[in-house]
Amino acid sequence: MEKYRLKSRIMDGDMIDRAMRRLSHEIVERNKGAKDIILVGIYRRGVSMAHRLAAEIKKVEGRTVPVGVLDVTYYRDDLSHSNIRLTEGVTDIPFDINKRTIILVDDVICTGRTVRAAIDGLFRLGRPKKIQLAVMIDRGLRELPLRADFVGKNIPTSHSEAVSVKFAEYDGENAVDILEMEES
């Protein structure tokens, strides 16, 4: 198992809050309001981010935006089926996604494989009018031709680094850290 150590903190709680406000305004502007959008957070930290975006959009538009949860485990192409630990009952999208604009929300985009899996999962549930992607961090290193529509911060990284987005709900603090692999 690879071990990482803190290299640098690139965002603190205030910076994350500002990015959330900006992202919510960009989402509303690009979609000409919030009437037909649904936020779907990719389990786990994408869910926290989706709820935060929904709260910011409500402040801007005065409209409650539905938030769903999507577990992409079954749809991944880069995990061995024998290594999958199932998280029963995590996916929760209790509304019709057909002909709606879905904003997929995740904390980090890197290779694009999680996003591809999420799109596969969404199409198993219906036929959205449009799918857009919002992420807190885009770290580059794409393996698939996918890009985020809404990005909190672009942070080019190497394969020997990792990005850790922390939300108070799970981690007790709000921060984004770059970690580097420890030498063996």
C-alpha atoms as a PDB file:
ATOM      1  CA  MET A   1       0.000   0.000   0.000  1.00  0.00           C
ATOM      2  CA  GLU A   2       1.341   3.407  -0.937  1.00  0.00           C
ATOM      3  CA  LYS A   3       1.863   5.952   1.828  1.00  0.00           C
ATOM      4  CA  TYR A   4       1.536   9.683   1.367  1.00  0.00           C
ATOM      5  CA  ARG A   5       2.656  12.706   3.377  1.00  0.00           C
ATOM      6  CA  LEU A   6       1.391  16.270   3.297  1.00  0.00           C
ATOM      7  CA  LYS A   7       3.140  18.371   0.679  1.00  0.00           C
ATOM      8  CA  SER A   8       1.033  21.533   0.907  1.00  0.00           C
ATOM      9  CA  ARG A   9      -2.395  22.890   1.816  1.00  0.00           C
ATOM     10  CA  ILE A  10      -3.776  24.658  -1.235  1.00  0.00           C
ATOM     11  CA  MET A  11      -7.250  25.616  -0.016  1.00  0.00           C
ATOM     12  CA  ASP A  12      -8.600  26.372   3.438  1.00  0.00           C
ATOM     13  CA  GLY A  13     -12.242  26.539   4.525  1.00  0.00           C
ATOM     14  CA  ASP A  14     -12.738  30.160   3.401  1.00  0.00           C
ATOM     15  CA  MET A  15     -11.309  29.403  -0.040  1.00  0.00           C
ATOM     16  CA  ILE A  16     -13.615  26.397  -0.385  1.00  0.00           C
ATOM     17  CA  ASP A  17     -16.621  28.545   0.595  1.00  0.00           C
ATOM     18  CA  ARG A  18     -15.703  31.170  -2.016  1.00  0.00           C
ATOM     19  CA  ALA A  19     -15.295  28.476  -4.673  1.00  0.00           C
ATOM     20  CA  MET A  20     -18.736  27.049  -3.783  1.00  0.00           C
ATOM     21  CA  ARG A  21     -20.354  30.480  -4.160  1.00  0.00           C
ATOM     22  CA  ARG A  22     -18.655  31.035  -7.523  1.00  0.00           C
ATOM     23  CA  LEU A  23     -19.555  27.555  -8.796  1.00  0.00           C
ATOM     24  CA  SER A  24     -23.208  28.000  -7.807  1.00  0.00           C
ATOM     25  CA  HIS A  25     -23.376  31.306  -9.719  1.00  0.00           C
ATOM     26  CA  GLU A  26     -21.724  29.707 -12.771  1.00  0.00           C
ATOM     27  CA  ILE A  27     -24.190  26.800 -12.720  1.00  0.00           C
ATOM     28  CA  VAL A  28     -27.190  29.128 -12.500  1.00  0.00           C
ATOM     29  CA  GLU A  29     -25.829  31.423 -15.207  1.00  0.00           C
ATOM     30  CA  ARG A  30     -24.994  28.665 -17.689  1.00  0.00           C
ATOM     31  CA  ASN A  31     -28.393  27.009 -17.182  1.00  0.00           C
ATOM     32  CA  LYS A  32     -30.392  30.273 -17.228  1.00  0.00           C
ATOM     33  CA  GLY A  33     -31.676  29.608 -13.729  1.00  0.00           C
ATOM     34  CA  ALA A  34     -32.146  26.542 -11.590  1.00  0.00           C
ATOM     35  CA  LYS A  35     -35.590  25.426 -12.742  1.00  0.00           C
ATOM     36  CA  ASP A  36     -34.723  22.151 -14.460  1.00  0.00           C
ATOM     37  CA  ILE A  37     -31.455  21.174 -12.804  1.00  0.00           C
ATOM     38  CA  ILE A  38     -30.757  18.289 -10.463  1.00  0.00           C
ATOM     39  CA  LEU A  39     -27.513  17.922  -8.534  1.00  0.00           C
ATOM     40  CA  VAL A  40     -26.197  14.361  -8.230  1.00  0.00           C
ATOM     41  CA  GLY A  41     -23.254  13.890  -5.884  1.00  0.00           C
ATOM     42  CA  ILE A  42     -20.874  11.032  -6.531  1.00  0.00           C
ATOM     43  CA  TYR A  43     -20.610   9.111  -3.258  1.00  0.00           C
ATOM     44  CA  ARG A  44     -18.933  10.232  -0.865  1.00  0.00           C
ATOM     45  CA  ARG A  45     -17.457  13.728  -0.900  1.00  0.00           C
ATOM     46  CA  GLY A  46     -19.311  14.654  -4.082  1.00  0.00           C
ATOM     47  CA  VAL A  47     -22.485  14.357  -2.004  1.00  0.00           C
ATOM     48  CA  SER A  48     -21.265  16.922   0.534  1.00  0.00           C
ATOM     49  CA  MET A  49     -20.299  19.237  -2.276  1.00  0.00           C
ATOM     50  CA  ALA A  50     -23.691  18.789  -4.002  1.00  0.00           C
ATOM     51  CA  HIS A  51     -25.563  19.716  -0.806  1.00  0.00           C
ATOM     52  CA  ARG A  52     -23.376  22.781  -0.346  1.00  0.00           C
ATOM     53  CA  LEU A  53     -23.971  23.841  -3.955  1.00  0.00           C
ATOM     54  CA  ALA A  54     -27.723  23.347  -3.510  1.00  0.00           C
ATOM     55  CA  ALA A  55     -27.669  25.622  -0.453  1.00  0.00           C
ATOM     56  CA  GLU A  56     -25.752  28.297  -2.382  1.00  0.00           C
ATOM     57  CA  ILE A  57     -28.103  28.022  -5.374  1.00  0.00           C
ATOM     58  CA  LYS A  58     -31.082  28.447  -3.043  1.00  0.00           C
ATOM     59  CA  LYS A  59     -29.506  31.693  -1.770  1.00  0.00           C
ATOM     60  CA  VAL A  60     -29.026  32.931  -5.345  1.00  0.00           C
ATOM     61  CA  GLU A  61     -32.269  31.723  -6.930  1.00  0.00           C
ATOM     62  CA  GLY A  62     -34.619  31.211  -3.989  1.00  0.00           C
ATOM     63  CA  ARG A  63     -35.317  27.744  -5.402  1.00  0.00           C
ATOM     64  CA  THR A  64     -34.621  24.364  -3.828  1.00  0.00           C
ATOM     65  CA  VAL A  65     -32.629  22.144  -6.169  1.00  0.00           C
ATOM     66  CA  PRO A  66     -33.045  18.372  -5.757  1.00  0.00           C
ATOM     67  CA  VAL A  67     -29.902  16.493  -4.673  1.00  0.00           C
ATOM     68  CA  GLY A  68     -29.313  12.832  -5.365  1.00  0.00           C
ATOM     69  CA  VAL A  69     -26.564  10.383  -4.427  1.00  0.00           C
ATOM     70  CA  LEU A  70     -24.848   8.058  -6.901  1.00  0.00           C
ATOM     71  CA  ASP A  71     -22.519   5.193  -5.959  1.00  0.00           C
ATOM     72  CA  VAL A  72     -20.446   4.343  -9.040  1.00  0.00           C
ATOM     73  CA  THR A  73     -18.873   1.140  -7.680  1.00  0.00           C
ATOM     74  CA  TYR A  74     -20.824  -1.198 -10.000  1.00  0.00           C
ATOM     75  CA  TYR A  75     -19.997   0.876 -13.080  1.00  0.00           C
ATOM     76  CA  ARG A  76     -16.219   1.238 -12.706  1.00  0.00           C
ATOM     77  CA  ASP A  77     -13.941  -0.327 -15.312  1.00  0.00           C
ATOM     78  CA  ASP A  78     -10.735  -0.036 -13.315  1.00  0.00           C
ATOM     79  CA  LEU A  79     -11.602  -2.215 -10.314  1.00  0.00           C
ATOM     80  CA  SER A  80     -11.515  -5.970 -10.105  1.00  0.00           C
ATOM     81  CA  HIS A  81     -14.969  -7.361  -9.380  1.00  0.00           C
ATOM     82  CA  SER A  82     -13.432  -9.546  -6.677  1.00  0.00           C
ATOM     83  CA  ASN A  83     -12.178  -6.410  -4.873  1.00  0.00           C
ATOM     84  CA  ILE A  84     -15.509  -4.578  -4.843  1.00  0.00           C
ATOM     85  CA  ARG A  85     -16.932  -3.914  -1.395  1.00  0.00           C
ATOM     86  CA  LEU A  86     -20.585  -3.217  -1.891  1.00  0.00           C
ATOM     87  CA  THR A  87     -22.162  -0.219  -0.202  1.00  0.00           C
ATOM     88  CA  GLU A  88     -25.811  -1.170  -0.181  1.00  0.00           C
ATOM     89  CA  GLY A  89     -28.404   1.533  -0.361  1.00  0.00           C
ATOM     90  CA  VAL A  90     -25.963   4.357  -1.113  1.00  0.00           C
ATOM     91  CA  THR A  91     -27.463   5.381  -4.475  1.00  0.00           C
ATOM     92  CA  ASP A  92     -30.486   7.538  -3.790  1.00  0.00           C
ATOM     93  CA  ILE A  93     -32.039   9.405  -6.701  1.00  0.00           C
ATOM     94  CA  PRO A  94     -35.742   9.460  -5.774  1.00  0.00           C
ATOM     95  CA  PHE A  95     -36.872  11.674  -8.651  1.00  0.00           C
ATOM     96  CA  ASP A  96     -37.262  11.426 -12.412  1.00  0.00           C
ATOM     97  CA  ILE A  97     -34.074  12.396 -14.261  1.00  0.00           C
ATOM     98  CA  ASN A  98     -35.580  12.129 -17.741  1.00  0.00           C
ATOM     99  CA  LYS A  99     -35.364  15.333 -19.784  1.00  0.00           C
ATOM    100  CA  ARG A 100     -33.654  17.144 -16.902  1.00  0.00           C
ATOM    101  CA  THR A 101     -30.224  18.760 -16.669  1.00  0.00           C
ATOM    102  CA  ILE A 102     -28.078  16.728 -14.317  1.00  0.00           C
ATOM    103  CA  ILE A 103     -25.106  18.377 -12.667  1.00  0.00           C
ATOM    104  CA  LEU A 104     -22.788  15.538 -11.611  1.00  0.00           C
ATOM    105  CA  VAL A 105     -20.747  16.676  -8.616  1.00  0.00           C
ATOM    106  CA  ASP A 106     -17.449  15.231  -7.392  1.00  0.00           C
ATOM    107  CA  ASP A 107     -14.578  16.473  -5.281  1.00  0.00           C
ATOM    108  CA  VAL A 108     -11.726  15.666  -7.714  1.00  0.00           C
ATOM    109  CA  ILE A 109     -11.432  14.760 -11.373  1.00  0.00           C
ATOM    110  CA  CYS A 110      -8.231  13.078 -12.489  1.00  0.00           C
ATOM    111  CA  THR A 111      -8.332  10.223 -15.018  1.00  0.00           C
ATOM    112  CA  GLY A 112     -12.032  10.613 -15.823  1.00  0.00           C
ATOM    113  CA  ARG A 113     -12.893   7.001 -14.992  1.00  0.00           C
ATOM    114  CA  THR A 114     -15.170   7.885 -12.065  1.00  0.00           C
ATOM    115  CA  VAL A 115     -17.089  10.341 -14.249  1.00  0.00           C
ATOM    116  CA  ARG A 116     -17.478   7.733 -17.004  1.00  0.00           C
ATOM    117  CA  ALA A 117     -18.809   5.281 -14.432  1.00  0.00           C
ATOM    118  CA  ALA A 118     -21.234   7.919 -13.096  1.00  0.00           C
ATOM    119  CA  ILE A 119     -22.561   8.635 -16.583  1.00  0.00           C
ATOM    120  CA  ASP A 120     -23.135   4.896 -17.105  1.00  0.00           C
ATOM    121  CA  GLY A 121     -24.983   4.780 -13.777  1.00  0.00           C
ATOM    122  CA  LEU A 122     -27.174   7.759 -14.688  1.00  0.00           C
ATOM    123  CA  PHE A 123     -28.175   6.248 -18.032  1.00  0.00           C
ATOM    124  CA  ARG A 124     -29.317   3.114 -16.194  1.00  0.00           C
ATOM    125  CA  LEU A 125     -31.787   5.359 -14.342  1.00  0.00           C
ATOM    126  CA  GLY A 126     -33.102   7.382 -17.272  1.00  0.00           C
ATOM    127  CA  ARG A 127     -32.325   9.703 -20.152  1.00  0.00           C
ATOM    128  CA  PRO A 128     -31.268  13.172 -18.976  1.00  0.00           C
ATOM    129  CA  LYS A 129     -31.552  16.109 -21.362  1.00  0.00           C
ATOM    130  CA  LYS A 130     -27.990  17.134 -20.503  1.00  0.00           C
ATOM    131  CA  ILE A 131     -25.228  16.132 -18.090  1.00  0.00           C
ATOM    132  CA  GLN A 132     -22.746  18.685 -16.790  1.00  0.00           C
ATOM    133  CA  LEU A 133     -19.873  18.136 -14.373  1.00  0.00           C
ATOM    134  CA  ALA A 134     -18.895  20.248 -11.352  1.00  0.00           C
ATOM    135  CA  VAL A 135     -15.727  19.465  -9.393  1.00  0.00           C
ATOM    136  CA  MET A 136     -13.810  21.205  -6.641  1.00  0.00           C
ATOM    137  CA  ILE A 137     -10.399  20.171  -8.042  1.00  0.00           C
ATOM    138  CA  ASP A 138      -9.267  19.293 -11.576  1.00  0.00           C
ATOM    139  CA  ARG A 139      -5.840  17.734 -11.277  1.00  0.00           C
ATOM    140  CA  GLY A 140      -5.287  16.851 -14.939  1.00  0.00           C
ATOM    141  CA  LEU A 141      -3.818  13.442 -15.848  1.00  0.00           C
ATOM    142  CA  ARG A 142      -6.884  12.509 -17.930  1.00  0.00           C
ATOM    143  CA  GLU A 143      -7.101   9.025 -19.457  1.00  0.00           C
ATOM    144  CA  LEU A 144     -10.512   9.625 -21.030  1.00  0.00           C
ATOM    145  CA  PRO A 145     -11.670  12.588 -23.145  1.00  0.00           C
ATOM    146  CA  LEU A 146     -13.761  14.214 -20.410  1.00  0.00           C
ATOM    147  CA  ARG A 147     -13.651  17.677 -18.869  1.00  0.00           C
ATOM    148  CA  ALA A 148     -15.463  19.455 -16.080  1.00  0.00           C
ATOM    149  CA  ASP A 149     -17.907  22.255 -16.912  1.00  0.00           C
ATOM    150  CA  PHE A 150     -17.473  23.911 -13.513  1.00  0.00           C
ATOM    151  CA  VAL A 151     -14.141  23.808 -11.645  1.00  0.00           C
ATOM    152  CA  GLY A 152     -13.313  25.199  -8.224  1.00  0.00           C
ATOM    153  CA  LYS A 153      -9.548  25.097  -8.839  1.00  0.00           C
ATOM    154  CA  ASN A 154      -7.201  23.578 -11.424  1.00  0.00           C
ATOM    155  CA  ILE A 155      -4.185  21.943  -9.793  1.00  0.00           C
ATOM    156  CA  PRO A 156      -1.824  20.172 -12.181  1.00  0.00           C
ATOM    157  CA  THR A 157      -0.305  17.212 -10.340  1.00  0.00           C
ATOM    158  CA  SER A 158       2.025  14.320 -11.035  1.00  0.00           C
ATOM    159  CA  HIS A 159       1.319  10.613 -10.735  1.00  0.00           C
ATOM    160  CA  SER A 160       3.336  10.554  -7.496  1.00  0.00           C
ATOM    161  CA  GLU A 161       0.942  13.034  -5.861  1.00  0.00           C
ATOM    162  CA  ALA A 162      -2.601  12.777  -4.556  1.00  0.00           C
ATOM    163  CA  VAL A 163      -5.192  15.440  -3.803  1.00  0.00           C
ATOM    164  CA  SER A 164      -7.233  15.216  -0.615  1.00  0.00           C
ATOM    165  CA  VAL A 165     -10.428  17.267  -0.441  1.00  0.00           C
ATOM    166  CA  LYS A 166     -11.726  17.398   3.109  1.00  0.00           C
ATOM    167  CA  PHE A 167     -15.251  18.353   4.105  1.00  0.00           C
ATOM    168  CA  ALA A 168     -16.212  18.860   7.737  1.00  0.00           C
ATOM    169  CA  GLU A 169     -19.047  16.336   7.438  1.00  0.00           C
ATOM    170  CA  TYR A 170     -16.546  13.500   6.952  1.00  0.00           C
ATOM    171  CA  ASP A 171     -13.168  14.875   7.946  1.00  0.00           C
ATOM    172  CA  GLY A 172     -13.806  17.432  10.682  1.00  0.00           C
ATOM    173  CA  GLU A 173     -12.382  20.289   8.590  1.00  0.00           C
ATOM    174  CA  ASN A 174     -12.695  21.950   5.198  1.00  0.00           C
ATOM    175  CA  ALA A 175      -9.445  21.928   3.241  1.00  0.00           C
ATOM    176  CA  VAL A 176      -7.676  20.740   0.104  1.00  0.00           C
ATOM    177  CA  ASP A 177      -4.216  19.225   0.478  1.00  0.00           C
ATOM    178  CA  ILE A 178      -1.646  17.944  -1.975  1.00  0.00           C
ATOM    179  CA  LEU A 179       0.016  14.774  -0.744  1.00  0.00           C
ATOM    180  CA  GLU A 180       3.216  13.265  -2.087  1.00  0.00           C
ATOM    181  CA  MET A 181       4.162   9.624  -2.131  1.00  0.00           C
ATOM    182  CA  GLU A 182       6.697   8.673   0.505  1.00  0.00           C
ATOM    183  CA  GLU A 183       9.889   7.019  -0.684  1.00  0.00           C
ATOM    184  CA  SER A 184      10.034   3.320   0.177  1.00  0.00           C
END
